[in-house]
Amino acid sequence: MITQHPQHELREQLVALRCEHRHLDEQITALMEGGVYDQLLVSRMKKRKLQIKDMIQKLSSSLIPDMNA
């Protein structure tokens, strides 16, 4: 579970994670367009990209205020 952090820190983390996610996507694309590439490396990069995506979703959800109904 995510501990309580000030919202600005969470937003900064989101920005950093989105940047890393985008950077990995660009690296993966460049490797695959280059022809011969290390499939194991690409696989690891894709796995890391998915982990980052999950972290982005969790942080984004934590920024949404709870609605008491």
PDB file of N, CA and C in Angstrom:
ATOM      1  N   MET A   1       0.837  -1.175   0.000  1.00  0.00           N
ATOM      2  CA  MET A   1       0.000   0.000   0.000  1.00  0.00           C
ATOM      3  C   MET A   1       0.881   1.237   0.000  1.00  0.00           C
ATOM      4  N   ILE A   2       0.429   2.264  -0.661  1.00  0.00           N
ATOM      5  CA  ILE A   2       1.188   3.495  -0.768  1.00  0.00           C
ATOM      6  C   ILE A   2       1.005   4.315   0.508  1.00  0.00           C
ATOM      7  N   THR A   3       2.119   4.741   1.089  1.00  0.00           N
ATOM      8  CA  THR A   3       2.039   5.560   2.289  1.00  0.00           C
ATOM      9  C   THR A   3       1.596   6.965   1.913  1.00  0.00           C
ATOM     10  N   GLN A   4       1.137   7.709   2.888  1.00  0.00           N
ATOM     11  CA  GLN A   4       0.664   9.063   2.654  1.00  0.00           C
ATOM     12  C   GLN A   4       1.841   9.999   2.383  1.00  0.00           C
ATOM     13  N   HIS A   5       1.874  10.583   1.219  1.00  0.00           N
ATOM     14  CA  HIS A   5       2.875  11.558   0.833  1.00  0.00           C
ATOM     15  C   HIS A   5       2.141  12.815   0.395  1.00  0.00           C
ATOM     16  N   PRO A   6       2.793  13.940   0.549  1.00  0.00           N
ATOM     17  CA  PRO A   6       2.176  15.147  -0.019  1.00  0.00           C
ATOM     18  C   PRO A   6       1.928  14.949  -1.510  1.00  0.00           C
ATOM     19  N   GLN A   7       0.851  15.530  -1.988  1.00  0.00           N
ATOM     20  CA  GLN A   7       0.464  15.316  -3.389  1.00  0.00           C
ATOM     21  C   GLN A   7       1.536  15.772  -4.367  1.00  0.00           C
ATOM     22  N   HIS A   8       2.275  16.825  -4.026  1.00  0.00           N
ATOM     23  CA  HIS A   8       3.294  17.301  -4.971  1.00  0.00           C
ATOM     24  C   HIS A   8       4.401  16.271  -5.155  1.00  0.00           C
ATOM     25  N   GLU A   9       4.731  15.518  -4.110  1.00  0.00           N
ATOM     26  CA  GLU A   9       5.745  14.470  -4.231  1.00  0.00           C
ATOM     27  C   GLU A   9       5.239  13.336  -5.120  1.00  0.00           C
ATOM     28  N   LEU A  10       3.968  12.987  -4.955  1.00  0.00           N
ATOM     29  CA  LEU A  10       3.388  11.937  -5.796  1.00  0.00           C
ATOM     30  C   LEU A  10       3.357  12.367  -7.253  1.00  0.00           C
ATOM     31  N   ARG A  11       3.025  13.625  -7.476  1.00  0.00           N
ATOM     32  CA  ARG A  11       2.992  14.140  -8.854  1.00  0.00           C
ATOM     33  C   ARG A  11       4.391  14.139  -9.469  1.00  0.00           C
ATOM     34  N   GLU A  12       5.398  14.480  -8.670  1.00  0.00           N
ATOM     35  CA  GLU A  12       6.780  14.443  -9.161  1.00  0.00           C
ATOM     36  C   GLU A  12       7.187  13.013  -9.511  1.00  0.00           C
ATOM     37  N   GLN A  13       6.780  12.058  -8.684  1.00  0.00           N
ATOM     38  CA  GLN A  13       7.071  10.653  -8.969  1.00  0.00           C
ATOM     39  C   GLN A  13       6.390  10.220 -10.271  1.00  0.00           C
ATOM     40  N   LEU A  14       5.145  10.672 -10.460  1.00  0.00           N
ATOM     41  CA  LEU A  14       4.421  10.339 -11.686  1.00  0.00           C
ATOM     42  C   LEU A  14       5.142  10.881 -12.913  1.00  0.00           C
ATOM     43  N   VAL A  15       5.608  12.107 -12.833  1.00  0.00           N
ATOM     44  CA  VAL A  15       6.322  12.704 -13.957  1.00  0.00           C
ATOM     45  C   VAL A  15       7.573  11.892 -14.274  1.00  0.00           C
ATOM     46  N   ALA A  16       8.333  11.523 -13.242  1.00  0.00           N
ATOM     47  CA  ALA A  16       9.559  10.745 -13.436  1.00  0.00           C
ATOM     48  C   ALA A  16       9.251   9.375 -14.029  1.00  0.00           C
ATOM     49  N   LEU A  17       8.209   8.715 -13.529  1.00  0.00           N
ATOM     50  CA  LEU A  17       7.848   7.393 -14.047  1.00  0.00           C
ATOM     51  C   LEU A  17       7.371   7.471 -15.491  1.00  0.00           C
ATOM     52  N   ARG A  18       6.584   8.477 -15.805  1.00  0.00           N
ATOM     53  CA  ARG A  18       6.112   8.633 -17.186  1.00  0.00           C
ATOM     54  C   ARG A  18       7.284   8.890 -18.129  1.00  0.00           C
ATOM     55  N   CYS A  19       8.257   9.666 -17.661  1.00  0.00           N
ATOM     56  CA  CYS A  19       9.452   9.934 -18.462  1.00  0.00           C
ATOM     57  C   CYS A  19      10.238   8.645 -18.695  1.00  0.00           C
ATOM     58  N   GLU A  20      10.420   7.855 -17.641  1.00  0.00           N
ATOM     59  CA  GLU A  20      11.138   6.588 -17.776  1.00  0.00           C
ATOM     60  C   GLU A  20      10.397   5.634 -18.710  1.00  0.00           C
ATOM     61  N   HIS A  21       9.078   5.590 -18.595  1.00  0.00           N
ATOM     62  CA  HIS A  21       8.245   4.732 -19.439  1.00  0.00           C
ATOM     63  C   HIS A  21       8.419   5.119 -20.910  1.00  0.00           C
ATOM     64  N   ARG A  22       8.354   6.414 -21.183  1.00  0.00           N
ATOM     65  CA  ARG A  22       8.500   6.911 -22.546  1.00  0.00           C
ATOM     66  C   ARG A  22       9.905   6.609 -23.080  1.00  0.00           C
ATOM     67  N   HIS A  23      10.918   6.792 -22.232  1.00  0.00           N
ATOM     68  CA  HIS A  23      12.300   6.528 -22.627  1.00  0.00           C
ATOM     69  C   HIS A  23      12.493   5.043 -22.970  1.00  0.00           C
ATOM     70  N   LEU A  24      11.946   4.161 -22.153  1.00  0.00           N
ATOM     71  CA  LEU A  24      12.037   2.725 -22.437  1.00  0.00           C
ATOM     72  C   LEU A  24      11.354   2.383 -23.753  1.00  0.00           C
ATOM     73  N   ASP A  25      10.204   2.979 -23.986  1.00  0.00           N
ATOM     74  CA  ASP A  25       9.469   2.736 -25.226  1.00  0.00           C
ATOM     75  C   ASP A  25      10.318   3.138 -26.429  1.00  0.00           C
ATOM     76  N   GLU A  26      10.976   4.292 -26.336  1.00  0.00           N
ATOM     77  CA  GLU A  26      11.826   4.762 -27.422  1.00  0.00           C
ATOM     78  C   GLU A  26      13.018   3.829 -27.624  1.00  0.00           C
ATOM     79  N   GLN A  27      13.619   3.363 -26.528  1.00  0.00           N
ATOM     80  CA  GLN A  27      14.756   2.446 -26.621  1.00  0.00           C
ATOM     81  C   GLN A  27      14.354   1.120 -27.260  1.00  0.00           C
ATOM     82  N   ILE A  28      13.221   0.585 -26.838  1.00  0.00           N
ATOM     83  CA  ILE A  28      12.737  -0.686 -27.384  1.00  0.00           C
ATOM     84  C   ILE A  28      12.489  -0.553 -28.886  1.00  0.00           C
ATOM     85  N   THR A  29      11.828   0.530 -29.263  1.00  0.00           N
ATOM     86  CA  THR A  29      11.540   0.760 -30.683  1.00  0.00           C
ATOM     87  C   THR A  29      12.837   0.864 -31.484  1.00  0.00           C
ATOM     88  N   ALA A  30      13.799   1.607 -30.974  1.00  0.00           N
ATOM     89  CA  ALA A  30      15.076   1.782 -31.678  1.00  0.00           C
ATOM     90  C   ALA A  30      15.809   0.447 -31.829  1.00  0.00           C
ATOM     91  N   LEU A  31      15.819  -0.348 -30.774  1.00  0.00           N
ATOM     92  CA  LEU A  31      16.485  -1.651 -30.844  1.00  0.00           C
ATOM     93  C   LEU A  31      15.835  -2.554 -31.887  1.00  0.00           C
ATOM     94  N   MET A  32      14.511  -2.589 -31.866  1.00  0.00           N
ATOM     95  CA  MET A  32      13.795  -3.487 -32.770  1.00  0.00           C
ATOM     96  C   MET A  32      13.879  -3.027 -34.217  1.00  0.00           C
ATOM     97  N   GLU A  33      13.978  -1.729 -34.451  1.00  0.00           N
ATOM     98  CA  GLU A  33      14.097  -1.222 -35.814  1.00  0.00           C
ATOM     99  C   GLU A  33      15.499  -1.436 -36.368  1.00  0.00           C
ATOM    100  N   GLY A  34      16.460  -1.657 -35.457  1.00  0.00           N
ATOM    101  CA  GLY A  34      17.845  -1.838 -35.874  1.00  0.00           C
ATOM    102  C   GLY A  34      18.129  -3.177 -36.533  1.00  0.00           C
ATOM    103  N   GLY A  35      17.153  -4.035 -36.594  1.00  0.00           N
ATOM    104  CA  GLY A  35      17.349  -5.346 -37.220  1.00  0.00           C
ATOM    105  C   GLY A  35      17.649  -6.408 -36.189  1.00  0.00           C
ATOM    106  N   VAL A  36      18.905  -6.835 -36.115  1.00  0.00           N
ATOM    107  CA  VAL A  36      19.304  -7.862 -35.162  1.00  0.00           C
ATOM    108  C   VAL A  36      19.425  -7.216 -33.779  1.00  0.00           C
ATOM    109  N   TYR A  37      18.755  -7.813 -32.794  1.00  0.00           N
ATOM    110  CA  TYR A  37      18.787  -7.259 -31.440  1.00  0.00           C
ATOM    111  C   TYR A  37      18.723  -8.388 -30.425  1.00  0.00           C
ATOM    112  N   ASP A  38      19.080  -8.067 -29.212  1.00  0.00           N
ATOM    113  CA  ASP A  38      19.084  -9.012 -28.097  1.00  0.00           C
ATOM    114  C   ASP A  38      17.648  -9.181 -27.584  1.00  0.00           C
ATOM    115  N   GLN A  39      17.045 -10.323 -27.896  1.00  0.00           N
ATOM    116  CA  GLN A  39      15.653 -10.548 -27.509  1.00  0.00           C
ATOM    117  C   GLN A  39      15.475 -10.574 -26.003  1.00  0.00           C
ATOM    118  N   LEU A  40      16.451 -11.079 -25.275  1.00  0.00           N
ATOM    119  CA  LEU A  40      16.373 -11.122 -23.826  1.00  0.00           C
ATOM    120  C   LEU A  40      16.366  -9.705 -23.251  1.00  0.00           C
ATOM    121  N   LEU A  41      17.206  -8.844 -23.783  1.00  0.00           N
ATOM    122  CA  LEU A  41      17.253  -7.451 -23.339  1.00  0.00           C
ATOM    123  C   LEU A  41      15.922  -6.752 -23.608  1.00  0.00           C
ATOM    124  N   VAL A  42      15.387  -6.940 -24.790  1.00  0.00           N
ATOM    125  CA  VAL A  42      14.105  -6.322 -25.145  1.00  0.00           C
ATOM    126  C   VAL A  42      13.005  -6.852 -24.236  1.00  0.00           C
ATOM    127  N   SER A  43      13.026  -8.135 -23.956  1.00  0.00           N
ATOM    128  CA  SER A  43      12.035  -8.735 -23.070  1.00  0.00           C
ATOM    129  C   SER A  43      12.105  -8.127 -21.670  1.00  0.00           C
ATOM    130  N   ARG A  44      13.308  -7.951 -21.164  1.00  0.00           N
ATOM    131  CA  ARG A  44      13.481  -7.334 -19.840  1.00  0.00           C
ATOM    132  C   ARG A  44      13.014  -5.885 -19.833  1.00  0.00           C
ATOM    133  N   MET A  45      13.301  -5.182 -20.906  1.00  0.00           N
ATOM    134  CA  MET A  45      12.879  -3.784 -21.004  1.00  0.00           C
ATOM    135  C   MET A  45      11.353  -3.680 -21.054  1.00  0.00           C
ATOM    136  N   LYS A  46      10.727  -4.585 -21.780  1.00  0.00           N
ATOM    137  CA  LYS A  46       9.261  -4.586 -21.855  1.00  0.00           C
ATOM    138  C   LYS A  46       8.652  -4.910 -20.492  1.00  0.00           C
ATOM    139  N   LYS A  47       9.270  -5.836 -19.769  1.00  0.00           N
ATOM    140  CA  LYS A  47       8.779  -6.186 -18.440  1.00  0.00           C
ATOM    141  C   LYS A  47       8.883  -4.984 -17.508  1.00  0.00           C
ATOM    142  N   ARG A  48      10.013  -4.291 -17.558  1.00  0.00           N
ATOM    143  CA  ARG A  48      10.202  -3.091 -16.733  1.00  0.00           C
ATOM    144  C   ARG A  48       9.185  -2.022 -17.112  1.00  0.00           C
ATOM    145  N   LYS A  49       8.920  -1.886 -18.397  1.00  0.00           N
ATOM    146  CA  LYS A  49       7.943  -0.908 -18.872  1.00  0.00           C
ATOM    147  C   LYS A  49       6.549  -1.211 -18.302  1.00  0.00           C
ATOM    148  N   LEU A  50       6.184  -2.486 -18.268  1.00  0.00           N
ATOM    149  CA  LEU A  50       4.893  -2.874 -17.688  1.00  0.00           C
ATOM    150  C   LEU A  50       4.849  -2.604 -16.181  1.00  0.00           C
ATOM    151  N   GLN A  51       5.966  -2.847 -15.495  1.00  0.00           N
ATOM    152  CA  GLN A  51       6.025  -2.552 -14.058  1.00  0.00           C
ATOM    153  C   GLN A  51       5.829  -1.058 -13.813  1.00  0.00           C
ATOM    154  N   ILE A  52       6.459  -0.255 -14.637  1.00  0.00           N
ATOM    155  CA  ILE A  52       6.329   1.192 -14.498  1.00  0.00           C
ATOM    156  C   ILE A  52       4.890   1.610 -14.765  1.00  0.00           C
ATOM    157  N   LYS A  53       4.270   1.014 -15.768  1.00  0.00           N
ATOM    158  CA  LYS A  53       2.875   1.332 -16.082  1.00  0.00           C
ATOM    159  C   LYS A  53       1.979   1.033 -14.887  1.00  0.00           C
ATOM    160  N   ASP A  54       2.199  -0.108 -14.239  1.00  0.00           N
ATOM    161  CA  ASP A  54       1.417  -0.450 -13.050  1.00  0.00           C
ATOM    162  C   ASP A  54       1.645   0.561 -11.927  1.00  0.00           C
ATOM    163  N   MET A  55       2.885   0.978 -11.742  1.00  0.00           N
ATOM    164  CA  MET A  55       3.196   1.959 -10.704  1.00  0.00           C
ATOM    165  C   MET A  55       2.521   3.291 -11.013  1.00  0.00           C
ATOM    166  N   ILE A  56       2.503   3.682 -12.279  1.00  0.00           N
ATOM    167  CA  ILE A  56       1.842   4.921 -12.688  1.00  0.00           C
ATOM    168  C   ILE A  56       0.356   4.851 -12.368  1.00  0.00           C
ATOM    169  N   GLN A  57      -0.263   3.711 -12.659  1.00  0.00           N
ATOM    170  CA  GLN A  57      -1.692   3.559 -12.392  1.00  0.00           C
ATOM    171  C   GLN A  57      -1.993   3.631 -10.895  1.00  0.00           C
ATOM    172  N   LYS A  58      -1.152   3.002 -10.082  1.00  0.00           N
ATOM    173  CA  LYS A  58      -1.366   3.033  -8.634  1.00  0.00           C
ATOM    174  C   LYS A  58      -1.204   4.432  -8.081  1.00  0.00           C
ATOM    175  N   LEU A  59      -0.175   5.131  -8.510  1.00  0.00           N
ATOM    176  CA  LEU A  59       0.028   6.492  -8.034  1.00  0.00           C
ATOM    177  C   LEU A  59      -1.090   7.411  -8.496  1.00  0.00           C
ATOM    178  N   SER A  60      -1.514   7.252  -9.741  1.00  0.00           N
ATOM    179  CA  SER A  60      -2.608   8.069 -10.257  1.00  0.00           C
ATOM    180  C   SER A  60      -3.882   7.839  -9.450  1.00  0.00           C
ATOM    181  N   SER A  61      -4.143   6.592  -9.108  1.00  0.00           N
ATOM    182  CA  SER A  61      -5.329   6.263  -8.312  1.00  0.00           C
ATOM    183  C   SER A  61      -5.244   6.867  -6.916  1.00  0.00           C
ATOM    184  N   SER A  62      -4.035   6.920  -6.369  1.00  0.00           N
ATOM    185  CA  SER A  62      -3.888   7.464  -5.012  1.00  0.00           C
ATOM    186  C   SER A  62      -4.104   8.970  -4.986  1.00  0.00           C
ATOM    187  N   LEU A  63      -3.994   9.624  -6.130  1.00  0.00           N
ATOM    188  CA  LEU A  63      -4.213  11.070  -6.188  1.00  0.00           C
ATOM    189  C   LEU A  63      -5.691  11.429  -6.318  1.00  0.00           C
ATOM    190  N   ILE A  64      -6.511  10.447  -6.636  1.00  0.00           N
ATOM    191  CA  ILE A  64      -7.951  10.696  -6.751  1.00  0.00           C
ATOM    192  C   ILE A  64      -8.549  10.681  -5.360  1.00  0.00           C
ATOM    193  N   PRO A  65      -9.196  11.767  -4.970  1.00  0.00           N
ATOM    194  CA  PRO A  65      -9.752  11.809  -3.611  1.00  0.00           C
ATOM    195  C   PRO A  65     -10.873  10.787  -3.419  1.00  0.00           C
ATOM    196  N   ASP A  66     -10.923  10.219  -2.212  1.00  0.00           N
ATOM    197  CA  ASP A  66     -11.999   9.290  -1.891  1.00  0.00           C
ATOM    198  C   ASP A  66     -13.293  10.062  -1.735  1.00  0.00           C
ATOM    199  N   MET A  67     -14.351   9.515  -2.284  1.00  0.00           N
ATOM    200  CA  MET A  67     -15.664  10.145  -2.163  1.00  0.00           C
ATOM    201  C   MET A  67     -16.464   9.394  -1.119  1.00  0.00           C
ATOM    202  N   ASN A  68     -16.805  10.072  -0.063  1.00  0.00           N
ATOM    203  CA  ASN A  68     -17.636   9.459   0.979  1.00  0.00           C
ATOM    204  C   ASN A  68     -19.095   9.592   0.567  1.00  0.00           C
ATOM    205  N   ALA A  69     -19.705   8.465   0.283  1.00  0.00           N
ATOM    206  CA  ALA A  69     -21.099   8.478  -0.169  1.00  0.00           C
ATOM    207  C   ALA A  69     -22.030   8.152   0.958  1.00  0.00           C
TER     208      ALA A  69
END
